[in-house]
Amino acid sequence: MKSRTKYSIKNIKYSLIGQLINIVTIFVSRIIFIKILSAEYLGLSNLFTNILTILSLTEMGFTTAMSYQLYKPISENNKNSIKTLLSYYRKIYNLIGISIIILGLLTLKVYPFFMQEIPDIKNLDVIYLLFVFNSAVSYFYSYKRLLVVSDQQKYIDTFYKYLTFLIQNILQIIILYLTHNYILFLVIQIISTLFYNILVSIKANKLYPYLKDKKINKISEKEKNEIKYNVKSMFFHKFGGIVLNSSDNIIISKYLGLFINGLYSNYYLIISSLNSIITQLFSSLVASIGNLNTTNDKSKMTDIFEKIFFANFIIYNICCCCLLNLFNPFIRLWLGEKYLLSNFTVIILVINFYVFGMRRSMMSFREATGNYHKDRFSPVVEAIINIFVSILFVKKFGVSGVFMGTIISSLCTNFWLEPLIVSKKSLTITLKNYFIKYFNYLIVLILSTTFSYYICTFISVSPIIALLLKALISVLIPILFIVIIYRKDNSMIYYKNFIKKILKIK
């Protein structure tokens, strides 16, 4: 049996390769999309995606809660229990998919309310319904994916996900180029989503032949109650997270219009691409952390947390330097001057990216250890604060004001509440020591980003060479600061030895 570390490394490797292919594909297709259609179509896509994300609240956090429920029977190789749980999950997922279709039909005449003005785009209702069906089919045939991912084999899911996404984008580019038809573009997306789920389901049957056995025990009331308890707790996290993330785009569409939302969508594409890579990294670790949690070894859990938290800081330090220095130069080179947002907006977006990003370690441990209940209301409070402050600030600061609201809402709630609960229940680290380390990392981030930004101001060459030089500086400066300041840190020593081991350096 492979170790947790080997599984994590394999999951991360596949995730990184897949996401890099994904990013290149998205950026190429975005150029063609804008040339053939317009920024308003981007804004429309962003708006509908976020409305459907809110409708997916019918999922209620089942996926996370059910993954947690699978860790124990997987570690014990209890095949009967796994079959029972998956049978129950299949029924829940089918119900969720049907519920999204019904809700989509009921809200067909509601979506115009979230637009500043109705765009001159034909067949808006049909386009909206296609988004609805794409969201719904993502739940059909997908329940077996939970087993694959929970069994620390996320790399399998990653392979099929990005393979189908690559084929989807190639077909969409061809269709868009030949027909200029956005509806056919969306139909291909729906077929691809369903095809991906079927492929993973077939692979799961091969990996776990016992899933084909029709003799399945009925789920016990105890297991049902455990799932319901976790779902009730997780629902508020799901609700808060979805409203928090989706409300920003909806507020931009409502108060600033689809065109501005379209401009922001290009920045969001870069941020979401980075977040996708980082999410893959952390989600690849969740199953391993959950597996370790079954041993109830808090000292080992704390040791792992500190190493992951340090890696979390390194990743976001480098990413923030790159975003600050490369955002506008890249957009200018990629799409043109008319698609730029202000430098002030870029700074706010980077701050928001960092504030959320540095929560990832705690979020991963909360998810893996099932700590959803005690802070279940905080995401709802966070979402309410975000909507109120964002609407208040958008009138004065535009796009920047929306994300000021997001930053303020996070600092008021989960920024301090997540570490309070996770550290108390699952770790030996104190809240005081956590925040000492957090603000220590923050100071180093400010120093490295400021220094790299200052050096980049002296670069005055051709746009492509300037972008490459700024990228090099944005990566090297934070690494240099980290190596010098943390050279004697235990986590730094661990990663240094880990890299040597991988490269087989004596």
Protein backbone atom coordinates (compact mmCIF):
# COMPACT_ATOMS: atom_id res chain seq x y z
CA MET A 1 0.00 0.00 0.00
CA LYS A 2 1.36 3.41 -0.91
CA SER A 3 2.16 5.91 1.81
CA ARG A 4 0.17 9.12 2.29
CA THR A 5 3.19 11.11 1.07
CA LYS A 6 3.47 9.12 -2.17
CA TYR A 7 -0.24 9.48 -2.87
CA SER A 8 -0.06 13.22 -2.15
CA ILE A 9 2.94 13.70 -4.45
CA LYS A 10 1.27 11.76 -7.27
CA ASN A 11 -1.98 13.69 -6.85
CA ILE A 12 -0.11 17.01 -6.85
CA LYS A 13 1.96 16.08 -9.92
CA TYR A 14 -1.09 15.17 -11.99
CA SER A 15 -2.94 18.24 -10.73
CA LEU A 16 -0.15 20.61 -11.71
CA ILE A 17 0.36 19.14 -15.17
CA GLY A 18 -3.39 19.03 -15.82
CA GLN A 19 -3.97 22.55 -14.59
CA LEU A 20 -1.10 23.96 -16.69
CA ILE A 21 -2.62 22.37 -19.81
CA ASN A 22 -5.98 23.72 -18.68
CA ILE A 23 -4.65 27.27 -18.29
CA VAL A 24 -2.98 27.34 -21.71
CA THR A 25 -6.19 26.01 -23.29
CA ILE A 26 -8.37 28.60 -21.53
CA PHE A 27 -6.15 31.54 -22.47
CA VAL A 28 -6.02 30.54 -26.13
CA SER A 29 -9.81 30.01 -26.28
CA ARG A 30 -10.41 33.35 -24.51
CA ILE A 31 -8.54 35.24 -27.28
CA ILE A 32 -10.71 33.58 -29.94
CA PHE A 33 -13.86 34.05 -27.84
CA ILE A 34 -13.31 37.82 -27.51
CA LYS A 35 -12.42 38.26 -31.19
CA ILE A 36 -15.52 36.41 -32.41
CA LEU A 37 -18.01 37.50 -29.74
CA SER A 38 -17.50 40.34 -27.22
CA ALA A 39 -16.77 41.34 -23.61
CA GLU A 40 -20.54 41.36 -22.98
CA TYR A 41 -20.70 37.62 -23.68
CA LEU A 42 -17.93 37.16 -21.10
CA GLY A 43 -19.91 39.21 -18.60
CA LEU A 44 -23.05 37.20 -19.38
CA SER A 45 -21.17 33.92 -18.92
CA ASN A 46 -19.78 35.16 -15.60
CA LEU A 47 -23.21 36.26 -14.39
CA PHE A 48 -25.03 33.04 -15.35
CA THR A 49 -22.25 30.90 -13.88
CA ASN A 50 -22.57 32.69 -10.56
CA ILE A 51 -26.37 32.54 -10.53
CA LEU A 52 -26.15 28.78 -11.14
CA THR A 53 -23.52 28.48 -8.41
CA ILE A 54 -26.08 29.92 -6.02
CA LEU A 55 -28.71 27.45 -7.29
CA SER A 56 -26.24 24.65 -6.55
CA LEU A 57 -26.86 25.38 -2.88
CA THR A 58 -29.25 22.43 -3.18
CA GLU A 59 -26.04 20.38 -2.84
CA MET A 60 -25.97 21.73 0.75
CA GLY A 61 -22.38 20.60 1.35
CA PHE A 62 -23.17 16.92 0.77
CA THR A 63 -19.94 16.32 -1.20
CA THR A 64 -17.60 17.44 1.58
CA ALA A 65 -19.63 15.79 4.33
CA MET A 66 -19.87 12.51 2.41
CA SER A 67 -16.15 12.46 1.59
CA TYR A 68 -15.45 12.73 5.31
CA GLN A 69 -17.86 9.83 5.95
CA LEU A 70 -15.89 7.63 3.52
CA TYR A 71 -12.46 8.01 5.17
CA LYS A 72 -13.05 5.45 7.93
CA PRO A 73 -14.51 2.57 5.80
CA ILE A 74 -11.75 3.16 3.21
CA SER A 75 -9.02 2.94 5.88
CA GLU A 76 -10.64 -0.26 7.21
CA ASN A 77 -11.28 -1.65 3.68
CA ASN A 78 -14.92 -2.14 4.64
CA LYS A 79 -16.36 -2.86 1.18
CA ASN A 80 -19.93 -3.38 2.34
CA SER A 81 -19.99 -0.01 4.08
CA ILE A 82 -18.47 1.71 1.02
CA LYS A 83 -21.11 0.18 -1.28
CA THR A 84 -23.88 1.22 1.09
CA LEU A 85 -22.66 4.81 1.30
CA LEU A 86 -22.17 5.14 -2.47
CA SER A 87 -25.67 3.81 -3.15
CA TYR A 88 -27.04 6.45 -0.80
CA TYR A 89 -24.88 9.16 -2.42
CA ARG A 90 -26.14 8.22 -5.90
CA LYS A 91 -29.73 8.88 -4.85
CA ILE A 92 -28.78 12.21 -3.25
CA TYR A 93 -26.80 13.36 -6.32
CA ASN A 94 -29.60 12.48 -8.74
CA LEU A 95 -32.01 14.42 -6.54
CA ILE A 96 -29.65 17.43 -6.52
CA GLY A 97 -29.36 17.40 -10.33
CA ILE A 98 -33.15 17.29 -10.77
CA SER A 99 -33.59 20.05 -8.16
CA ILE A 100 -31.22 22.35 -10.07
CA ILE A 101 -33.22 21.85 -13.28
CA ILE A 102 -36.48 22.69 -11.48
CA LEU A 103 -34.97 25.76 -9.79
CA GLY A 104 -33.46 26.86 -13.11
CA LEU A 105 -36.86 26.74 -14.79
CA LEU A 106 -38.47 28.62 -11.90
CA THR A 107 -35.84 31.41 -12.06
CA LEU A 108 -35.97 31.78 -15.85
CA LYS A 109 -37.54 35.25 -15.65
CA VAL A 110 -35.57 36.37 -12.60
CA TYR A 111 -32.02 36.65 -14.00
CA PRO A 112 -32.65 40.02 -15.86
CA PHE A 113 -32.96 41.65 -12.41
CA PHE A 114 -29.20 41.13 -11.94
CA MET A 115 -28.30 43.07 -15.08
CA GLN A 116 -27.83 46.84 -15.22
CA GLU A 117 -29.41 46.70 -18.67
CA ILE A 118 -30.48 43.84 -20.97
CA PRO A 119 -27.72 43.21 -23.55
CA ASP A 120 -28.33 42.92 -27.28
CA ILE A 121 -27.77 39.15 -27.28
CA LYS A 122 -30.24 36.77 -28.92
CA ASN A 123 -31.85 33.75 -27.20
CA LEU A 124 -30.96 34.81 -23.63
CA ASP A 125 -33.49 32.37 -22.15
CA VAL A 126 -32.05 29.45 -24.12
CA ILE A 127 -28.51 30.40 -23.08
CA TYR A 128 -29.58 30.56 -19.43
CA LEU A 129 -31.26 27.13 -19.63
CA LEU A 130 -28.12 25.62 -21.16
CA PHE A 131 -26.14 26.88 -18.17
CA VAL A 132 -28.79 25.30 -15.94
CA PHE A 133 -28.52 21.90 -17.67
CA ASN A 134 -24.71 21.98 -17.56
CA SER A 135 -24.82 22.59 -13.82
CA ALA A 136 -27.39 19.81 -13.33
CA VAL A 137 -25.63 17.09 -15.37
CA SER A 138 -22.45 17.61 -13.33
CA TYR A 139 -24.20 15.61 -10.57
CA PHE A 140 -25.28 12.66 -12.73
CA TYR A 141 -22.93 9.64 -12.74
CA SER A 142 -20.51 11.55 -10.50
CA TYR A 143 -21.02 9.88 -7.12
CA LYS A 144 -18.27 7.26 -7.67
CA ARG A 145 -15.75 10.06 -8.08
CA LEU A 146 -16.08 10.62 -4.32
CA LEU A 147 -14.62 7.18 -3.66
CA VAL A 148 -11.70 7.70 -6.04
CA VAL A 149 -10.79 11.06 -4.49
CA SER A 150 -11.37 9.97 -0.87
CA ASP A 151 -9.13 6.94 -1.50
CA GLN A 152 -6.22 9.36 -2.14
CA GLN A 153 -6.35 8.72 -5.92
CA LYS A 154 -7.40 12.17 -7.05
CA TYR A 155 -4.84 11.97 -9.87
CA ILE A 156 -7.21 9.62 -11.73
CA ASP A 157 -10.06 12.12 -11.51
CA THR A 158 -7.65 14.90 -12.52
CA PHE A 159 -6.52 13.00 -15.64
CA TYR A 160 -10.06 12.48 -16.94
CA LYS A 161 -11.15 15.99 -15.95
CA TYR A 162 -8.47 17.77 -17.95
CA LEU A 163 -8.53 15.31 -20.85
CA THR A 164 -12.23 15.97 -21.43
CA PHE A 165 -11.76 19.71 -20.82
CA LEU A 166 -9.00 19.87 -23.45
CA ILE A 167 -11.16 18.05 -26.03
CA GLN A 168 -14.12 20.27 -25.09
CA ASN A 169 -12.15 23.49 -25.67
CA ILE A 170 -10.73 22.32 -28.98
CA LEU A 171 -14.22 21.48 -30.23
CA GLN A 172 -15.62 24.77 -28.87
CA ILE A 173 -12.93 26.80 -30.62
CA ILE A 174 -13.63 25.01 -33.94
CA ILE A 175 -17.42 25.48 -33.58
CA LEU A 176 -17.08 29.14 -32.59
CA TYR A 177 -14.68 29.84 -35.46
CA LEU A 178 -16.88 28.08 -38.06
CA THR A 179 -20.36 29.09 -36.88
CA HIS A 180 -20.02 32.03 -34.40
CA ASN A 181 -22.80 30.21 -32.54
CA TYR A 182 -22.67 30.59 -28.74
CA ILE A 183 -25.50 28.08 -28.21
CA LEU A 184 -23.55 25.26 -29.93
CA PHE A 185 -20.55 26.34 -27.85
CA LEU A 186 -22.57 25.66 -24.68
CA VAL A 187 -24.05 22.36 -25.95
CA ILE A 188 -20.51 20.97 -26.34
CA GLN A 189 -19.83 21.99 -22.73
CA ILE A 190 -22.85 19.99 -21.48
CA ILE A 191 -21.85 16.87 -23.44
CA SER A 192 -18.29 17.16 -22.13
CA THR A 193 -19.45 17.43 -18.50
CA LEU A 194 -21.57 14.29 -18.80
CA PHE A 195 -18.81 12.41 -20.67
CA TYR A 196 -16.27 13.22 -17.92
CA ASN A 197 -18.55 11.82 -15.21
CA ILE A 198 -19.17 8.62 -17.20
CA LEU A 199 -15.43 8.07 -17.78
CA VAL A 200 -14.62 8.40 -14.06
CA SER A 201 -17.53 6.08 -13.21
CA ILE A 202 -16.22 3.39 -15.60
CA LYS A 203 -12.71 3.71 -14.14
CA ALA A 204 -14.07 3.43 -10.59
CA ASN A 205 -15.81 0.16 -11.54
CA LYS A 206 -12.46 -1.23 -12.74
CA LEU A 207 -10.60 -0.08 -9.62
CA TYR A 208 -13.27 -1.33 -7.24
CA PRO A 209 -14.94 -4.39 -8.87
CA TYR A 210 -17.10 -4.92 -5.78
CA LEU A 211 -19.12 -1.82 -6.80
CA LYS A 212 -20.75 -3.96 -9.50
CA ASP A 213 -22.21 -6.22 -6.81
CA LYS A 214 -25.96 -5.57 -6.67
CA LYS A 215 -26.20 -6.91 -3.13
CA ILE A 216 -26.14 -3.68 -1.13
CA ASN A 217 -27.08 -3.24 2.50
CA LYS A 218 -29.49 -0.50 3.47
CA ILE A 219 -27.83 2.47 5.10
CA SER A 220 -28.26 2.49 8.89
CA GLU A 221 -30.07 5.24 10.75
CA LYS A 222 -26.83 5.96 12.64
CA GLU A 223 -24.93 6.62 9.39
CA LYS A 224 -27.81 8.71 8.05
CA ASN A 225 -27.84 10.80 11.21
CA GLU A 226 -24.05 11.31 11.04
CA ILE A 227 -24.31 12.47 7.42
CA LYS A 228 -27.27 14.73 8.22
CA TYR A 229 -25.36 16.24 11.16
CA ASN A 230 -22.32 16.99 9.00
CA VAL A 231 -24.47 18.26 6.12
CA LYS A 232 -26.38 20.62 8.44
CA SER A 233 -23.07 21.99 9.71
CA MET A 234 -21.51 22.09 6.25
CA PHE A 235 -24.53 23.74 4.63
CA PHE A 236 -23.81 27.07 6.30
CA HIS A 237 -20.20 26.91 5.10
CA LYS A 238 -21.45 26.06 1.62
CA PHE A 239 -24.05 28.81 1.71
CA GLY A 240 -21.62 31.44 2.96
CA GLY A 241 -18.88 30.44 0.52
CA ILE A 242 -21.17 30.41 -2.51
CA VAL A 243 -22.91 33.69 -1.69
CA LEU A 244 -19.56 35.30 -0.86
CA ASN A 245 -17.90 34.28 -4.14
CA SER A 246 -20.91 34.61 -6.43
CA SER A 247 -22.27 37.89 -5.07
CA ASP A 248 -19.20 39.85 -6.24
CA ASN A 249 -19.86 39.13 -9.92
CA ILE A 250 -23.60 39.67 -9.54
CA ILE A 251 -23.05 43.06 -7.83
CA ILE A 252 -20.64 44.11 -10.61
CA SER A 253 -23.23 43.14 -13.27
CA LYS A 254 -26.07 44.88 -11.43
CA TYR A 255 -24.32 48.18 -10.61
CA LEU A 256 -21.54 48.48 -13.23
CA GLY A 257 -22.90 46.46 -16.19
CA LEU A 258 -21.97 43.35 -18.17
CA PHE A 259 -19.12 45.10 -20.03
CA ILE A 260 -17.26 45.92 -16.77
CA ASN A 261 -18.01 42.40 -15.56
CA GLY A 262 -16.49 41.17 -18.80
CA LEU A 263 -13.31 43.21 -18.14
CA TYR A 264 -13.08 41.86 -14.60
CA SER A 265 -13.66 38.31 -15.89
CA ASN A 266 -10.23 38.40 -17.56
CA TYR A 267 -8.56 39.24 -14.25
CA TYR A 268 -10.77 36.66 -12.57
CA LEU A 269 -9.64 34.09 -15.15
CA ILE A 270 -6.01 34.61 -14.11
CA ILE A 271 -6.85 34.54 -10.39
CA SER A 272 -9.12 31.50 -10.75
CA SER A 273 -6.43 29.71 -12.80
CA LEU A 274 -3.93 30.28 -10.02
CA ASN A 275 -6.51 29.32 -7.41
CA SER A 276 -7.32 26.16 -9.35
CA ILE A 277 -3.68 25.07 -9.28
CA ILE A 278 -3.40 25.85 -5.58
CA THR A 279 -6.77 24.23 -4.82
CA GLN A 280 -5.57 21.08 -6.58
CA LEU A 281 -2.46 21.12 -4.39
CA PHE A 282 -4.42 21.44 -1.16
CA SER A 283 -7.32 19.17 -2.12
CA SER A 284 -4.73 16.52 -3.03
CA LEU A 285 -3.65 16.63 0.62
CA VAL A 286 -7.13 16.54 2.20
CA ALA A 287 -7.66 12.79 1.86
CA SER A 288 -4.21 12.12 3.33
CA ILE A 289 -4.90 14.48 6.25
CA GLY A 290 -8.28 12.82 6.77
CA ASN A 291 -6.59 9.41 6.74
CA LEU A 292 -4.04 10.62 9.33
CA ASN A 293 -6.81 12.10 11.46
CA THR A 294 -8.20 8.60 12.06
CA THR A 295 -5.07 7.92 14.20
CA ASN A 296 -5.97 10.79 16.62
CA ASP A 297 -2.30 11.85 16.79
CA LYS A 298 -2.52 15.63 17.45
CA SER A 299 1.26 16.09 17.63
CA LYS A 300 1.72 14.54 14.18
CA MET A 301 -1.22 16.57 12.85
CA THR A 302 0.34 19.79 14.18
CA ASP A 303 3.71 18.96 12.65
CA ILE A 304 2.03 18.36 9.26
CA PHE A 305 -0.04 21.55 9.62
CA GLU A 306 3.02 23.76 10.26
CA LYS A 307 4.76 22.37 7.19
CA ILE A 308 1.65 22.88 5.03
CA PHE A 309 1.12 26.40 6.45
CA PHE A 310 4.72 27.30 5.56
CA ALA A 311 4.23 25.94 2.02
CA ASN A 312 0.95 27.92 1.89
CA PHE A 313 2.88 31.10 2.67
CA ILE A 314 5.62 30.41 0.08
CA ILE A 315 3.03 29.80 -2.66
CA TYR A 316 1.02 32.95 -1.92
CA ASN A 317 4.07 35.13 -1.43
CA ILE A 318 5.33 34.25 -4.91
CA CYS A 319 1.85 34.47 -6.46
CA CYS A 320 1.15 37.91 -4.95
CA CYS A 321 4.45 39.28 -6.25
CA CYS A 322 3.64 37.92 -9.71
CA LEU A 323 0.07 39.27 -9.73
CA LEU A 324 1.09 42.73 -8.53
CA ASN A 325 3.86 43.10 -11.12
CA LEU A 326 2.39 41.19 -14.07
CA PHE A 327 -1.39 41.63 -14.00
CA ASN A 328 -1.74 44.74 -16.18
CA PRO A 329 1.35 44.15 -18.38
CA PHE A 330 0.01 40.68 -19.20
CA ILE A 331 -3.58 41.83 -19.89
CA ARG A 332 -2.21 44.63 -22.10
CA LEU A 333 -0.10 42.17 -24.10
CA TRP A 334 -2.78 39.46 -24.17
CA LEU A 335 -5.97 41.42 -24.96
CA GLY A 336 -5.08 45.10 -25.36
CA GLU A 337 -5.19 48.43 -23.50
CA LYS A 338 -9.01 48.70 -23.48
CA TYR A 339 -9.32 45.61 -21.26
CA LEU A 340 -7.28 47.07 -18.34
CA LEU A 341 -8.51 47.87 -14.83
CA SER A 342 -6.78 50.51 -12.65
CA ASN A 343 -3.59 49.83 -10.65
CA PHE A 344 -5.55 50.50 -7.44
CA THR A 345 -8.03 47.76 -8.38
CA VAL A 346 -5.11 45.39 -9.04
CA ILE A 347 -3.73 46.04 -5.53
CA ILE A 348 -7.17 45.35 -3.97
CA LEU A 349 -7.50 42.13 -5.99
CA VAL A 350 -4.05 40.98 -4.81
CA ILE A 351 -4.89 41.74 -1.15
CA ASN A 352 -8.15 39.82 -1.48
CA PHE A 353 -6.29 36.92 -3.11
CA TYR A 354 -3.81 36.78 -0.21
CA VAL A 355 -6.34 37.13 2.63
CA PHE A 356 -8.41 34.24 1.30
CA GLY A 357 -5.39 32.21 0.20
CA MET A 358 -3.67 32.16 3.57
CA ARG A 359 -6.78 30.46 5.02
CA ARG A 360 -6.25 27.39 2.85
CA SER A 361 -4.20 25.43 5.40
CA MET A 362 -6.87 25.81 8.07
CA MET A 363 -9.65 25.14 5.58
CA SER A 364 -7.97 21.89 4.45
CA PHE A 365 -7.60 20.70 8.04
CA ARG A 366 -11.16 21.69 8.87
CA GLU A 367 -12.46 19.75 5.88
CA ALA A 368 -10.31 16.68 6.57
CA THR A 369 -11.18 16.55 10.28
CA GLY A 370 -14.88 17.34 9.92
CA ASN A 371 -14.77 20.55 11.99
CA TYR A 372 -17.84 22.16 10.41
CA HIS A 373 -20.26 22.53 13.30
CA LYS A 374 -18.92 25.11 15.75
CA ASP A 375 -18.30 27.85 13.16
CA ARG A 376 -21.26 26.92 10.94
CA PHE A 377 -22.90 30.38 11.16
CA SER A 378 -19.75 32.42 10.48
CA PRO A 379 -19.84 31.98 6.65
CA VAL A 380 -23.42 33.29 6.63
CA VAL A 381 -22.38 36.35 8.67
CA GLU A 382 -19.37 36.78 6.35
CA ALA A 383 -21.64 36.69 3.26
CA ILE A 384 -24.08 39.23 4.73
CA ILE A 385 -21.25 41.64 5.64
CA ASN A 386 -19.76 41.18 2.17
CA ILE A 387 -22.99 42.00 0.32
CA PHE A 388 -23.75 45.02 2.51
CA VAL A 389 -20.24 46.56 2.37
CA SER A 390 -19.74 45.72 -1.33
CA ILE A 391 -22.99 47.43 -2.37
CA LEU A 392 -22.06 50.40 -0.15
CA PHE A 393 -18.54 50.68 -1.62
CA VAL A 394 -19.28 49.85 -5.28
CA LYS A 395 -21.03 53.21 -5.74
CA LYS A 396 -17.93 55.08 -4.58
CA PHE A 397 -14.98 52.87 -5.59
CA GLY A 398 -16.38 50.82 -8.50
CA VAL A 399 -14.92 47.33 -8.95
CA SER A 400 -12.39 47.97 -6.16
CA GLY A 401 -15.21 48.65 -3.69
CA VAL A 402 -16.76 45.22 -4.32
CA PHE A 403 -13.56 43.47 -3.25
CA MET A 404 -12.96 45.80 -0.33
CA GLY A 405 -16.23 44.40 0.97
CA THR A 406 -14.95 40.84 0.48
CA ILE A 407 -11.71 41.60 2.38
CA ILE A 408 -13.52 43.30 5.28
CA SER A 409 -16.06 40.46 5.60
CA SER A 410 -13.29 37.84 5.75
CA LEU A 411 -11.27 39.75 8.38
CA CYS A 412 -14.38 40.12 10.54
CA THR A 413 -15.22 36.41 10.58
CA ASN A 414 -13.41 33.31 9.30
CA PHE A 415 -9.98 34.94 9.34
CA TRP A 416 -9.80 34.40 13.11
CA LEU A 417 -12.63 31.92 13.77
CA GLU A 418 -11.32 29.03 11.61
CA PRO A 419 -7.94 28.84 13.36
CA LEU A 420 -9.62 29.22 16.75
CA ILE A 421 -11.76 26.11 16.23
CA VAL A 422 -9.34 23.89 14.28
CA SER A 423 -6.36 24.60 16.56
CA LYS A 424 -8.43 23.85 19.67
CA LYS A 425 -9.96 20.59 18.42
CA SER A 426 -7.37 19.00 16.11
CA LEU A 427 -3.98 20.63 16.75
CA THR A 428 -1.64 21.43 19.64
CA ILE A 429 -0.72 24.88 18.27
CA THR A 430 -2.25 27.83 20.19
CA LEU A 431 -4.20 30.62 18.48
CA LYS A 432 -1.61 33.15 19.70
CA ASN A 433 1.28 31.23 18.13
CA TYR A 434 -0.69 30.79 14.91
CA PHE A 435 -1.22 34.55 14.50
CA ILE A 436 2.37 35.36 15.50
CA LYS A 437 3.46 33.13 12.63
CA TYR A 438 0.77 34.56 10.32
CA PHE A 439 1.82 38.18 10.84
CA ASN A 440 5.47 37.22 10.61
CA TYR A 441 4.69 35.80 7.15
CA LEU A 442 2.69 38.94 6.30
CA ILE A 443 5.65 41.24 7.06
CA VAL A 444 7.91 39.17 4.81
CA LEU A 445 5.24 39.31 2.07
CA ILE A 446 5.03 43.13 2.28
CA LEU A 447 8.82 43.45 2.13
CA SER A 448 9.24 41.10 -0.83
CA THR A 449 6.32 42.49 -2.89
CA THR A 450 7.37 46.12 -2.27
CA PHE A 451 10.99 45.40 -3.17
CA SER A 452 10.08 43.43 -6.31
CA TYR A 453 7.60 46.15 -7.41
CA TYR A 454 10.29 48.83 -6.92
CA ILE A 455 12.81 46.91 -9.04
CA CYS A 456 10.22 46.31 -11.78
CA THR A 457 9.64 50.06 -12.17
CA PHE A 458 13.15 50.37 -13.66
CA ILE A 459 12.44 47.91 -16.48
CA SER A 460 11.88 49.76 -19.74
CA VAL A 461 12.25 47.45 -22.74
CA SER A 462 9.92 45.80 -25.26
CA PRO A 463 6.64 44.50 -23.72
CA ILE A 464 7.42 40.79 -24.10
CA ILE A 465 10.96 41.04 -22.71
CA ALA A 466 9.72 43.34 -19.92
CA LEU A 467 7.04 40.79 -18.98
CA LEU A 468 9.62 37.97 -18.85
CA LEU A 469 12.05 40.04 -16.76
CA LYS A 470 9.30 41.11 -14.34
CA ALA A 471 8.17 37.47 -14.04
CA LEU A 472 11.72 36.40 -13.19
CA ILE A 473 12.08 39.15 -10.58
CA SER A 474 8.63 38.38 -9.13
CA VAL A 475 9.63 34.75 -8.53
CA LEU A 476 13.26 35.19 -7.45
CA ILE A 477 12.83 38.08 -4.97
CA PRO A 478 10.28 36.36 -2.68
CA ILE A 479 12.28 33.11 -2.81
CA LEU A 480 15.44 35.03 -1.86
CA PHE A 481 13.68 36.69 1.09
CA ILE A 482 12.25 33.36 2.27
CA VAL A 483 15.57 31.47 2.00
CA ILE A 484 17.48 34.17 3.90
CA ILE A 485 14.90 34.80 6.64
CA TYR A 486 13.77 31.19 7.21
CA ARG A 487 17.00 29.28 6.52
CA LYS A 488 17.01 27.86 10.10
CA ASP A 489 13.25 27.24 10.31
CA ASN A 490 12.26 23.57 10.82
CA SER A 491 9.77 23.65 7.95
CA MET A 492 12.36 25.21 5.64
CA ILE A 493 14.90 22.52 6.57
CA TYR A 494 12.26 19.84 5.95
CA TYR A 495 11.49 21.12 2.42
CA LYS A 496 15.18 21.56 1.67
CA ASN A 497 15.84 17.90 2.56
CA PHE A 498 12.68 16.84 0.75
CA ILE A 499 13.81 18.54 -2.48
CA LYS A 500 17.29 16.99 -2.12
CA LYS A 501 15.70 13.57 -1.71
CA ILE A 502 13.56 14.00 -4.84
CA LEU A 503 16.55 15.25 -6.87
CA LYS A 504 18.75 12.59 -5.19
CA ILE A 505 21.30 15.20 -4.13
CA LYS A 506 23.69 14.02 -1.45
